[in-house]
């Protein structure tokens, strides 16, 4: 990903040489929105004509040399971006996402005019605070400026827009606070964009080896502890789930582990991400139509790995461990078959009814191993696990199932704050009965009814009494709710939710 620079200063905006000078204005009731004095007349005239009232996504773009501005302005263009109605009656999470969308809309204008440098005059939103305002606009700008051009070769032109090089935030007060918020926004957005990059890679460009290499680089860069369990080690440990899924593949499986351990650590959060780098369905082969999208089946693993990049930069007080079980799922001559029985790491046996229900098989080993090896205070897994969650929740909410109410509430709040909505589903004994097997301890599918829930019921056999939550992002990892800062294709969902969970973690842990 390109490394856009974001700086904060208090220089007068009109003195800065920039491709685009941006003002973000809130909608007022029955009157022109308030703005800086030197453009107030232009805004008022546009309001009187009915052309601009600062509604959400409403825009004014003009050129200082062609309008009657008495001040000497060095910007080549001025953009006035409407934010809509923002008042203290709105939930802060809603206002935060409105600002991200403002940032995303500004990024779209930048693409249209091919701006390389922009200067943003931050709005003063007292009820939200300067830090959060800066964070959300920074996130929206960088997330909205995302594009994946790695494989554009002969079709790429020199005139193609490659994105912003420099962003400047200007403000008159609270410089240190705004710098803090902007930095948090940059870290979160860059991590989410890294997750998008991983997901956009083709199946022949991102395998278990690339997961391993990326993790190794993060470990060296940020002082994390790196471990990679190779095939022989997985066999010795009895990781029957990931080994079974990998049987038809020419590429060996890997279980990639990163540990962040701060001084005086009191708690540990374990994150587990599904790393199926391509999912053909195995012997239970998927239909060919749309199968190319199955390169996205590693979005959970990408989210967990990208989160560790942000953790390495932010250095939180809580310990974080990430595990990515990584393999593809192919229908080779040695592939696991429907009817086969496997032995998981914790000795639970499973009857394989459908080889396309492979995600839970690799997560099961990772969860059981992670809980035993690290004794975490909680564990959260994230996976593009079931088509059933799309039927139930569409592309607007990720599904959540958990054995702990406090952890579930914490994740829902973290997702809400990130603009990544989460909806909790029940996980009761009735669903667990659907995966009972007559020949093994459990079976890997429980029929169509409640498919998202029975998948979580399978995973519940591998966490013991540890507080655990499962996020099914099959509907939101790509084709997520259309927003100005969410591109077509992979959304990078989960990264910013996890960061919120980690940042808001209380010293005493779950209570």
Protein backbone atom coordinates (compact mmCIF):
# COMPACT_ATOMS: atom_id res chain seq x y z
CA UNK A 1 0.00 0.00 0.00
CA UNK A 2 1.19 3.53 -0.76
CA UNK A 3 2.33 5.51 2.24
CA UNK A 4 0.25 8.70 2.24
CA UNK A 5 1.67 11.28 4.65
CA UNK A 6 -0.69 13.05 7.06
CA UNK A 7 0.47 16.08 9.02
CA UNK A 8 -1.23 18.48 11.43
CA UNK A 9 -0.42 22.20 11.81
CA UNK A 10 -2.02 25.53 12.65
CA UNK A 11 -0.90 27.55 9.67
CA UNK A 12 -3.68 29.59 8.07
CA UNK A 13 -5.27 27.33 5.45
CA UNK A 14 -5.23 30.00 2.75
CA UNK A 15 -1.41 30.24 2.95
CA UNK A 16 -0.83 26.55 2.13
CA UNK A 17 0.09 25.53 -1.42
CA UNK A 18 -2.26 22.62 -2.09
CA UNK A 19 -4.27 21.00 -4.89
CA UNK A 20 -7.45 21.11 -2.84
CA UNK A 21 -8.51 23.04 0.25
CA UNK A 22 -11.43 21.36 2.02
CA UNK A 23 -14.03 22.79 4.40
CA UNK A 24 -16.50 20.41 6.09
CA UNK A 25 -19.74 22.19 7.01
CA UNK A 26 -22.70 21.07 9.08
CA UNK A 27 -26.25 21.70 7.93
CA UNK A 28 -28.10 24.45 9.82
CA UNK A 29 -31.85 24.76 10.20
CA UNK A 30 -33.29 27.30 7.71
CA UNK A 31 -30.06 29.23 7.30
CA UNK A 32 -26.75 29.12 5.52
CA UNK A 33 -24.14 26.86 7.11
CA UNK A 34 -21.37 28.57 9.04
CA UNK A 35 -17.96 28.71 7.41
CA UNK A 36 -14.65 30.57 7.47
CA UNK A 37 -15.12 34.25 6.83
CA UNK A 38 -13.35 34.40 3.48
CA UNK A 39 -15.74 31.88 1.83
CA UNK A 40 -18.87 32.68 3.85
CA UNK A 41 -20.29 34.97 1.15
CA UNK A 42 -19.92 32.26 -1.51
CA UNK A 43 -21.58 29.68 0.73
CA UNK A 44 -24.40 32.10 1.57
CA UNK A 45 -25.02 32.88 -2.12
CA UNK A 46 -25.14 29.16 -2.96
CA UNK A 47 -27.59 28.66 -0.08
CA UNK A 48 -29.81 31.53 -1.26
CA UNK A 49 -29.92 29.97 -4.74
CA UNK A 50 -30.89 26.62 -3.27
CA UNK A 51 -27.67 25.02 -4.52
CA UNK A 52 -26.03 24.22 -1.21
CA UNK A 53 -27.22 23.78 2.37
CA UNK A 54 -24.51 21.32 3.55
CA UNK A 55 -26.71 18.25 3.27
CA UNK A 56 -24.92 14.92 3.50
CA UNK A 57 -22.68 14.48 0.41
CA UNK A 58 -23.65 17.92 -0.98
CA UNK A 59 -20.62 19.65 -2.51
CA UNK A 60 -19.37 23.00 -3.79
CA UNK A 61 -16.18 22.94 -5.85
CA UNK A 62 -14.75 26.21 -7.08
CA UNK A 63 -11.52 27.84 -8.19
CA UNK A 64 -10.23 30.82 -6.17
CA UNK A 65 -8.95 32.62 -9.28
CA UNK A 66 -12.41 32.66 -10.87
CA UNK A 67 -14.52 33.88 -7.96
CA UNK A 68 -14.59 37.08 -5.96
CA UNK A 69 -12.38 36.19 -2.99
CA UNK A 70 -10.59 39.17 -1.53
CA UNK A 71 -8.04 37.03 0.31
CA UNK A 72 -4.88 35.71 -1.35
CA UNK A 73 -5.44 31.93 -1.45
CA UNK A 74 -2.70 29.54 -2.58
CA UNK A 75 -5.01 26.54 -3.04
CA UNK A 76 -5.80 25.65 -6.65
CA UNK A 77 -9.29 24.49 -5.76
CA UNK A 78 -11.63 24.84 -2.79
CA UNK A 79 -14.12 22.14 -1.86
CA UNK A 80 -16.97 22.77 0.55
CA UNK A 81 -18.31 19.38 1.69
CA UNK A 82 -21.67 18.98 3.39
CA UNK A 83 -21.74 16.79 6.49
CA UNK A 84 -25.52 16.80 7.03
CA UNK A 85 -27.19 17.58 10.34
CA UNK A 86 -24.76 17.04 13.20
CA UNK A 87 -25.94 17.83 16.71
CA UNK A 88 -25.56 16.46 20.20
CA UNK A 89 -28.79 14.48 19.87
CA UNK A 90 -27.16 12.01 17.50
CA UNK A 91 -25.31 9.00 18.89
CA UNK A 92 -21.57 9.54 18.80
CA UNK A 93 -21.07 6.34 16.79
CA UNK A 94 -23.43 7.69 14.10
CA UNK A 95 -21.60 11.03 14.00
CA UNK A 96 -18.28 9.18 13.79
CA UNK A 97 -19.42 7.24 10.75
CA UNK A 98 -20.84 10.38 9.16
CA UNK A 99 -17.35 11.88 9.38
CA UNK A 100 -15.77 8.76 7.87
CA UNK A 101 -18.20 9.08 4.99
CA UNK A 102 -17.28 12.77 4.66
CA UNK A 103 -13.64 11.69 4.38
CA UNK A 104 -14.57 9.05 1.83
CA UNK A 105 -16.51 11.58 -0.24
CA UNK A 106 -13.56 13.97 -0.21
CA UNK A 107 -11.37 11.10 -1.45
CA UNK A 108 -13.78 10.57 -4.37
CA UNK A 109 -13.48 14.23 -5.34
CA UNK A 110 -9.70 13.92 -5.13
CA UNK A 111 -9.81 11.01 -7.56
CA UNK A 112 -11.97 12.99 -9.98
CA UNK A 113 -9.61 15.99 -10.04
CA UNK A 114 -6.47 13.85 -9.57
CA UNK A 115 -5.37 15.75 -6.47
CA UNK A 116 -2.03 14.76 -4.93
CA UNK A 117 -2.06 17.11 -1.95
CA UNK A 118 -5.03 18.26 0.10
CA UNK A 119 -5.54 20.50 3.10
CA UNK A 120 -8.51 19.87 5.37
CA UNK A 121 -9.88 22.45 7.80
CA UNK A 122 -11.22 20.26 10.59
CA UNK A 123 -14.73 21.08 11.83
CA UNK A 124 -15.17 21.96 15.48
CA UNK A 125 -17.59 19.37 16.89
CA UNK A 126 -17.49 19.92 20.63
CA UNK A 127 -19.72 16.97 21.58
CA UNK A 128 -17.57 14.53 19.59
CA UNK A 129 -14.22 16.04 20.51
CA UNK A 130 -11.19 17.07 18.48
CA UNK A 131 -9.40 13.72 18.80
CA UNK A 132 -12.29 11.63 17.52
CA UNK A 133 -13.10 14.13 14.77
CA UNK A 134 -9.53 13.95 13.46
CA UNK A 135 -9.45 10.16 13.76
CA UNK A 136 -12.66 9.58 11.82
CA UNK A 137 -11.93 12.00 8.99
CA UNK A 138 -8.43 10.52 8.65
CA UNK A 139 -9.89 7.01 8.51
CA UNK A 140 -12.47 8.02 5.92
CA UNK A 141 -9.91 9.75 3.68
CA UNK A 142 -7.40 6.90 3.70
CA UNK A 143 -9.99 4.12 3.47
CA UNK A 144 -11.77 5.99 0.67
CA UNK A 145 -8.49 6.58 -1.18
CA UNK A 146 -7.82 2.83 -1.41
CA UNK A 147 -7.15 1.10 -4.74
CA UNK A 148 -5.45 -2.17 -5.68
CA UNK A 149 -3.27 -1.71 -8.78
CA UNK A 150 -0.53 -4.31 -8.27
CA UNK A 151 -1.47 -6.41 -11.26
CA UNK A 152 -2.33 -3.56 -13.62
CA UNK A 153 0.55 -3.78 -16.09
CA UNK A 154 0.02 -3.14 -19.80
CA UNK A 155 -3.37 -1.49 -19.20
CA UNK A 156 -1.92 0.97 -16.71
CA UNK A 157 -1.37 4.51 -18.02
CA UNK A 158 0.95 7.21 -16.76
CA UNK A 159 -2.07 9.45 -16.30
CA UNK A 160 -3.89 6.95 -14.05
CA UNK A 161 -4.60 8.33 -10.59
CA UNK A 162 -2.64 6.52 -7.91
CA UNK A 163 -4.04 8.38 -4.92
CA UNK A 164 -3.13 11.06 -2.40
CA UNK A 165 0.47 11.74 -1.45
CA UNK A 166 -0.02 14.31 1.28
CA UNK A 167 -2.89 15.22 3.61
CA UNK A 168 -2.70 18.22 5.90
CA UNK A 169 -5.09 18.86 8.76
CA UNK A 170 -5.23 22.48 9.88
CA UNK A 171 -6.79 23.80 13.06
CA UNK A 172 -6.38 26.71 15.46
CA UNK A 173 -6.31 24.83 18.77
CA UNK A 174 -5.86 21.39 20.39
CA UNK A 175 -2.97 20.55 18.07
CA UNK A 176 -1.61 17.75 20.27
CA UNK A 177 -5.05 16.20 20.67
CA UNK A 178 -5.71 16.33 16.94
CA UNK A 179 -2.32 14.80 16.18
CA UNK A 180 -3.17 11.94 18.53
CA UNK A 181 -6.52 11.34 16.84
CA UNK A 182 -5.08 11.64 13.34
CA UNK A 183 -2.36 9.11 14.20
CA UNK A 184 -4.93 6.62 15.48
CA UNK A 185 -6.96 7.09 12.30
CA UNK A 186 -3.93 6.58 10.07
CA UNK A 187 -2.86 3.41 11.90
CA UNK A 188 -6.36 1.91 11.76
CA UNK A 189 -6.96 2.81 8.12
CA UNK A 190 -3.59 1.55 6.93
CA UNK A 191 -4.11 -1.74 8.73
CA UNK A 192 -7.57 -2.17 7.18
CA UNK A 193 -6.13 -1.38 3.75
CA UNK A 194 -3.41 -3.98 4.28
CA UNK A 195 -6.15 -6.53 4.98
CA UNK A 196 -7.83 -5.45 1.73
CA UNK A 197 -4.55 -5.89 -0.15
CA UNK A 198 -4.13 -9.42 1.19
CA UNK A 199 -7.69 -10.31 0.20
CA UNK A 200 -7.30 -8.84 -3.28
CA UNK A 201 -4.32 -11.09 -3.97
CA UNK A 202 -5.19 -14.07 -6.21
CA UNK A 203 -5.03 -17.62 -4.92
CA UNK A 204 -1.71 -18.10 -6.70
CA UNK A 205 -0.36 -14.89 -5.18
CA UNK A 206 -1.35 -15.40 -1.56
CA UNK A 207 -0.86 -18.85 -0.05
CA UNK A 208 -0.02 -20.12 3.41
CA UNK A 209 3.59 -19.15 2.65
CA UNK A 210 2.63 -15.49 2.13
CA UNK A 211 0.77 -15.47 5.45
CA UNK A 212 3.93 -16.80 7.06
CA UNK A 213 6.25 -14.32 5.34
CA UNK A 214 4.05 -11.34 6.17
CA UNK A 215 3.85 -12.33 9.83
CA UNK A 216 7.62 -12.78 9.97
CA UNK A 217 8.10 -9.26 8.59
CA UNK A 218 5.69 -7.80 11.16
CA UNK A 219 7.56 -9.60 13.93
CA UNK A 220 10.90 -8.10 12.85
CA UNK A 221 9.43 -4.63 12.37
CA UNK A 222 7.51 -4.35 15.65
CA UNK A 223 9.32 -6.73 18.00
CA UNK A 224 6.60 -9.39 18.03
CA UNK A 225 7.18 -13.09 18.64
CA UNK A 226 6.73 -15.17 15.49
CA UNK A 227 6.03 -18.89 15.28
CA UNK A 228 5.00 -20.96 12.28
CA UNK A 229 3.87 -24.55 12.73
CA UNK A 230 4.77 -26.42 9.54
CA UNK A 231 3.15 -29.62 8.29
CA UNK A 232 5.36 -32.03 10.26
CA UNK A 233 4.70 -30.12 13.47
CA UNK A 234 0.96 -30.06 12.75
CA UNK A 235 1.05 -33.84 12.26
CA UNK A 236 2.98 -34.34 15.49
CA UNK A 237 0.48 -32.17 17.39
CA UNK A 238 -2.50 -34.04 15.95
CA UNK A 239 -4.04 -31.09 14.08
CA UNK A 240 -6.43 -33.33 12.16
CA UNK A 241 -8.71 -30.51 10.99
CA UNK A 242 -6.23 -28.37 9.09
CA UNK A 243 -4.40 -31.45 7.82
CA UNK A 244 -7.63 -32.95 6.45
CA UNK A 245 -8.58 -29.75 4.61
CA UNK A 246 -5.07 -29.60 3.13
CA UNK A 247 -5.03 -33.22 1.88
CA UNK A 248 -5.97 -32.31 -1.69
CA UNK A 249 -3.51 -29.44 -1.97
CA UNK A 250 -0.03 -29.21 -3.46
CA UNK A 251 0.84 -26.39 -1.03
CA UNK A 252 1.56 -27.38 2.60
CA UNK A 253 -0.54 -25.99 5.46
CA UNK A 254 0.82 -23.62 8.07
CA UNK A 255 -0.39 -22.32 11.39
CA UNK A 256 0.99 -18.80 11.74
CA UNK A 257 1.27 -17.28 15.23
CA UNK A 258 2.20 -13.77 16.35
CA UNK A 259 2.47 -12.66 19.99
CA UNK A 260 2.52 -9.16 21.41
CA UNK A 261 3.51 -9.16 25.08
CA UNK A 262 3.77 -5.77 26.81
CA UNK A 263 5.56 -5.20 30.09
CA UNK A 264 3.39 -5.81 33.16
CA UNK A 265 0.82 -7.65 31.05
CA UNK A 266 -2.32 -8.48 33.01
CA UNK A 267 -4.57 -9.90 30.28
CA UNK A 268 -4.27 -11.67 26.94
CA UNK A 269 -6.70 -11.49 24.02
CA UNK A 270 -6.45 -14.33 21.49
CA UNK A 271 -7.55 -13.59 17.91
CA UNK A 272 -7.99 -16.46 15.45
CA UNK A 273 -8.61 -15.82 11.75
CA UNK A 274 -9.67 -18.25 9.06
CA UNK A 275 -6.94 -18.44 6.41
CA UNK A 276 -8.43 -20.46 3.54
CA UNK A 277 -6.45 -18.92 0.68
CA UNK A 278 -8.75 -20.44 -1.95
CA UNK A 279 -11.86 -22.52 -1.39
CA UNK A 280 -12.94 -24.79 -4.22
CA UNK A 281 -15.18 -26.71 -1.81
CA UNK A 282 -12.97 -29.78 -2.07
CA UNK A 283 -14.76 -32.99 -3.09
CA UNK A 284 -18.04 -31.18 -2.32
CA UNK A 285 -17.16 -28.88 -5.21
CA UNK A 286 -18.67 -25.41 -5.39
CA UNK A 287 -20.49 -24.23 -8.54
CA UNK A 288 -18.10 -22.61 -11.02
CA UNK A 289 -20.09 -19.37 -11.18
CA UNK A 290 -18.56 -16.92 -8.71
CA UNK A 291 -15.86 -19.33 -7.57
CA UNK A 292 -13.22 -16.70 -8.34
CA UNK A 293 -14.44 -14.83 -5.26
CA UNK A 294 -13.28 -17.71 -3.09
CA UNK A 295 -9.84 -16.12 -2.99
CA UNK A 296 -11.54 -13.92 -0.37
CA UNK A 297 -12.04 -16.87 1.99
CA UNK A 298 -8.97 -15.75 3.93
CA UNK A 299 -10.42 -12.36 4.92
CA UNK A 300 -10.63 -13.43 8.57
CA UNK A 301 -6.95 -14.32 8.61
CA UNK A 302 -6.13 -11.06 6.84
CA UNK A 303 -8.07 -9.08 9.45
CA UNK A 304 -6.23 -10.75 12.33
CA UNK A 305 -2.80 -10.30 10.75
CA UNK A 306 -3.47 -6.65 9.85
CA UNK A 307 -4.68 -6.03 13.41
CA UNK A 308 -1.29 -7.18 14.65
CA UNK A 309 0.36 -4.55 12.46
CA UNK A 310 -1.68 -1.86 14.24
CA UNK A 311 -1.01 -3.47 17.63
CA UNK A 312 2.71 -3.35 16.87
CA UNK A 313 2.44 0.38 16.14
CA UNK A 314 0.16 1.32 19.05
CA UNK A 315 1.71 -0.86 21.79
CA UNK A 316 -1.44 -1.35 23.91
CA UNK A 317 -1.33 -2.41 27.56
CA UNK A 318 -3.09 -5.73 26.94
CA UNK A 319 -1.34 -8.73 25.43
CA UNK A 320 -2.55 -9.92 22.02
CA UNK A 321 -1.95 -13.26 20.31
CA UNK A 322 -2.94 -13.92 16.70
CA UNK A 323 -3.29 -17.36 15.11
CA UNK A 324 -3.98 -17.91 11.41
CA UNK A 325 -4.51 -21.52 10.29
CA UNK A 326 -3.69 -21.27 6.57
CA UNK A 327 -4.28 -23.61 3.65
CA UNK A 328 -6.32 -23.86 0.49
CA UNK A 329 -9.15 -26.38 0.00
CA UNK A 330 -8.68 -28.38 -3.19
CA UNK A 331 -10.28 -31.53 -4.66
CA UNK A 332 -7.11 -33.54 -5.36
CA UNK A 333 -6.89 -37.32 -5.47
CA UNK A 334 -5.91 -37.44 -1.83
CA UNK A 335 -8.53 -34.94 -0.65
CA UNK A 336 -10.65 -35.62 2.42
CA UNK A 337 -13.95 -37.28 1.50
CA UNK A 338 -17.51 -36.99 2.80
CA UNK A 339 -17.86 -39.73 5.39
CA UNK A 340 -14.25 -39.55 6.57
CA UNK A 341 -13.63 -39.16 10.31
CA UNK A 342 -10.86 -36.91 11.62
CA UNK A 343 -9.26 -36.30 15.02
CA UNK A 344 -8.85 -32.69 16.13
CA UNK A 345 -6.05 -31.34 18.34
CA UNK A 346 -8.12 -31.74 21.52
CA UNK A 347 -9.00 -35.37 20.58
CA UNK A 348 -12.58 -34.54 19.52
CA UNK A 349 -13.52 -36.72 16.55
CA UNK A 350 -15.53 -35.31 13.66
CA UNK A 351 -17.47 -36.92 10.83
CA UNK A 352 -16.93 -34.95 7.62
CA UNK A 353 -20.33 -34.72 5.94
CA UNK A 354 -19.46 -31.85 3.61
CA UNK A 355 -15.89 -30.94 2.63
CA UNK A 356 -17.06 -27.40 1.81
CA UNK A 357 -17.59 -26.83 5.55
CA UNK A 358 -13.83 -26.61 5.90
CA UNK A 359 -13.41 -23.32 7.75
CA UNK A 360 -14.67 -24.69 11.04
CA UNK A 361 -12.30 -27.64 10.67
CA UNK A 362 -9.17 -25.48 10.59
CA UNK A 363 -10.46 -23.01 13.18
CA UNK A 364 -11.22 -25.85 15.59
CA UNK A 365 -7.56 -26.88 15.77
CA UNK A 366 -6.38 -23.29 16.08
CA UNK A 367 -8.86 -22.49 18.86
CA UNK A 368 -8.08 -25.62 20.87
CA UNK A 369 -4.33 -25.10 20.49
CA UNK A 370 -4.50 -21.39 21.26
CA UNK A 371 -6.59 -21.85 24.40
CA UNK A 372 -4.26 -24.58 25.72
CA UNK A 373 -1.01 -22.89 24.73
CA UNK A 374 -1.73 -19.27 25.76
CA UNK A 375 -4.49 -19.51 28.42
CA UNK A 376 -6.09 -16.28 27.13
CA UNK A 377 -8.61 -14.20 29.06
CA UNK A 378 -10.82 -14.35 25.97
CA UNK A 379 -10.69 -15.62 22.41
CA UNK A 380 -12.38 -14.20 19.31
CA UNK A 381 -12.37 -15.95 15.96
CA UNK A 382 -13.32 -14.28 12.69
CA UNK A 383 -14.19 -16.10 9.49
CA UNK A 384 -16.03 -16.00 6.19
CA UNK A 385 -17.74 -19.13 7.45
CA UNK A 386 -21.28 -19.62 6.13
CA UNK A 387 -23.54 -18.56 3.29
CA UNK A 388 -26.34 -18.85 5.82
CA UNK A 389 -25.26 -15.62 7.53
CA UNK A 390 -25.85 -13.76 4.25
CA UNK A 391 -29.38 -15.20 4.05
CA UNK A 392 -30.03 -14.11 7.63
CA UNK A 393 -28.29 -10.74 7.82
CA UNK A 394 -27.52 -9.75 4.25
CA UNK A 395 -24.42 -7.67 3.68
CA UNK A 396 -25.03 -5.14 6.45
CA UNK A 397 -24.25 -6.93 9.74
CA UNK A 398 -21.65 -9.51 10.72
CA UNK A 399 -23.01 -12.43 12.72
CA UNK A 400 -21.90 -12.90 16.32
CA UNK A 401 -22.21 -15.95 18.55
CA UNK A 402 -20.67 -16.21 21.99
CA UNK A 403 -20.59 -18.07 25.28
CA UNK A 404 -20.03 -14.82 27.24
CA UNK A 405 -22.44 -11.89 27.42
CA UNK A 406 -19.84 -9.32 28.43
CA UNK A 407 -17.51 -10.23 25.57
CA UNK A 408 -20.43 -10.18 23.14
CA UNK A 409 -21.49 -6.70 24.30
CA UNK A 410 -17.90 -5.45 24.09
CA UNK A 411 -17.60 -6.64 20.50
CA UNK A 412 -20.96 -5.16 19.50
CA UNK A 413 -19.91 -1.79 20.93
CA UNK A 414 -16.50 -2.02 19.27
CA UNK A 415 -18.13 -2.77 15.92
CA UNK A 416 -20.63 0.05 16.34
CA UNK A 417 -17.83 2.50 17.06
CA UNK A 418 -15.99 1.31 13.92
CA UNK A 419 -19.05 1.52 11.65
CA UNK A 420 -18.95 -2.28 11.35
CA UNK A 421 -22.34 -3.43 12.72
CA UNK A 422 -22.61 -6.79 14.49
CA UNK A 423 -25.76 -8.77 15.29
CA UNK A 424 -25.79 -11.48 17.95
CA UNK A 425 -27.47 -14.82 17.22
CA UNK A 426 -28.48 -17.43 19.83
CA UNK A 427 -26.32 -20.45 20.62
CA UNK A 428 -28.36 -22.89 22.70
CA UNK A 429 -28.26 -26.65 23.22
CA UNK A 430 -30.90 -27.29 20.55
CA UNK A 431 -28.47 -26.17 17.84
CA UNK A 432 -25.66 -28.27 19.26
CA UNK A 433 -27.85 -31.36 18.91
CA UNK A 434 -27.98 -30.75 15.15
CA UNK A 435 -24.27 -31.60 14.84
CA UNK A 436 -24.40 -34.83 16.84
CA UNK A 437 -22.99 -37.75 14.86
CA UNK A 438 -23.85 -41.44 15.11
CA UNK A 439 -20.28 -42.48 14.32
CA UNK A 440 -18.12 -39.69 15.84
CA UNK A 441 -18.30 -37.08 18.58
CA UNK A 442 -19.67 -34.46 16.18
CA UNK A 443 -20.24 -33.90 12.47
CA UNK A 444 -19.16 -30.84 10.53
CA UNK A 445 -22.59 -29.76 9.27
CA UNK A 446 -26.01 -29.80 10.86
CA UNK A 447 -28.24 -29.24 7.83
CA UNK A 448 -29.54 -25.98 6.34
CA UNK A 449 -31.64 -24.77 9.30
CA UNK A 450 -29.62 -22.37 11.45
CA UNK A 451 -26.46 -22.99 9.43
CA UNK A 452 -24.56 -20.06 10.89
CA UNK A 453 -25.43 -21.17 14.41
CA UNK A 454 -24.58 -24.83 13.94
CA UNK A 455 -21.18 -23.79 12.54
CA UNK A 456 -20.57 -21.87 15.78
CA UNK A 457 -21.87 -24.86 17.73
CA UNK A 458 -19.10 -26.90 16.12
CA UNK A 459 -16.48 -24.37 17.22
CA UNK A 460 -17.83 -24.28 20.77
CA UNK A 461 -16.35 -27.75 21.30
CA UNK A 462 -12.84 -26.31 21.15
CA UNK A 463 -12.79 -23.39 23.59
CA UNK A 464 -13.73 -25.02 26.87
CA UNK A 465 -14.85 -22.46 29.45
CA UNK A 466 -12.76 -19.62 28.03
CA UNK A 467 -14.87 -16.56 27.15
CA UNK A 468 -15.24 -16.89 23.38
CA UNK A 469 -16.92 -15.11 20.51
CA UNK A 470 -17.24 -16.05 16.86
CA UNK A 471 -17.68 -13.46 14.09
CA UNK A 472 -19.10 -14.70 10.78
CA UNK A 473 -18.15 -12.10 8.16
CA UNK A 474 -19.21 -14.01 5.02
CA UNK A 475 -21.69 -11.24 4.21
CA UNK A 476 -19.50 -8.27 5.10
CA UNK A 477 -15.94 -9.23 4.11
CA UNK A 478 -16.87 -8.16 0.58
CA UNK A 479 -20.01 -6.57 -0.90
CA UNK A 480 -20.36 -4.80 2.47
CA UNK A 481 -22.91 -1.97 2.83
CA UNK A 482 -22.13 0.67 0.21
CA UNK A 483 -20.29 3.59 1.79
CA UNK A 484 -17.97 6.24 0.40
CA UNK A 485 -15.00 4.74 2.24
CA UNK A 486 -15.77 1.08 1.42
CA UNK A 487 -14.54 -0.06 -2.02
CA UNK A 488 -16.02 -2.75 -4.21
CA UNK A 489 -14.46 -6.07 -3.28
CA UNK A 490 -12.89 -6.75 0.12
CA UNK A 491 -13.83 -4.29 2.87
CA UNK A 492 -11.07 -5.00 5.41
CA UNK A 493 -13.78 -5.55 8.00
CA UNK A 494 -12.84 -6.66 11.51
CA UNK A 495 -9.56 -4.78 11.81
CA UNK A 496 -10.96 -1.55 13.27
CA UNK A 497 -13.46 -3.48 15.41
CA UNK A 498 -10.60 -5.46 16.95
CA UNK A 499 -8.59 -2.30 17.53
CA UNK A 500 -11.52 -0.75 19.39
CA UNK A 501 -11.88 -3.89 21.49
CA UNK A 502 -8.17 -3.81 22.35
CA UNK A 503 -8.03 -0.05 22.98
CA UNK A 504 -11.08 -0.13 25.24
CA UNK A 505 -10.00 -3.22 27.16
CA UNK A 506 -10.23 -2.70 30.89
CA UNK A 507 -7.29 -3.61 33.08
CA UNK A 508 -9.38 -6.10 35.03
CA UNK A 509 -10.51 -7.88 31.86
CA UNK A 510 -14.01 -9.24 31.43
CA UNK A 511 -16.20 -8.57 34.45
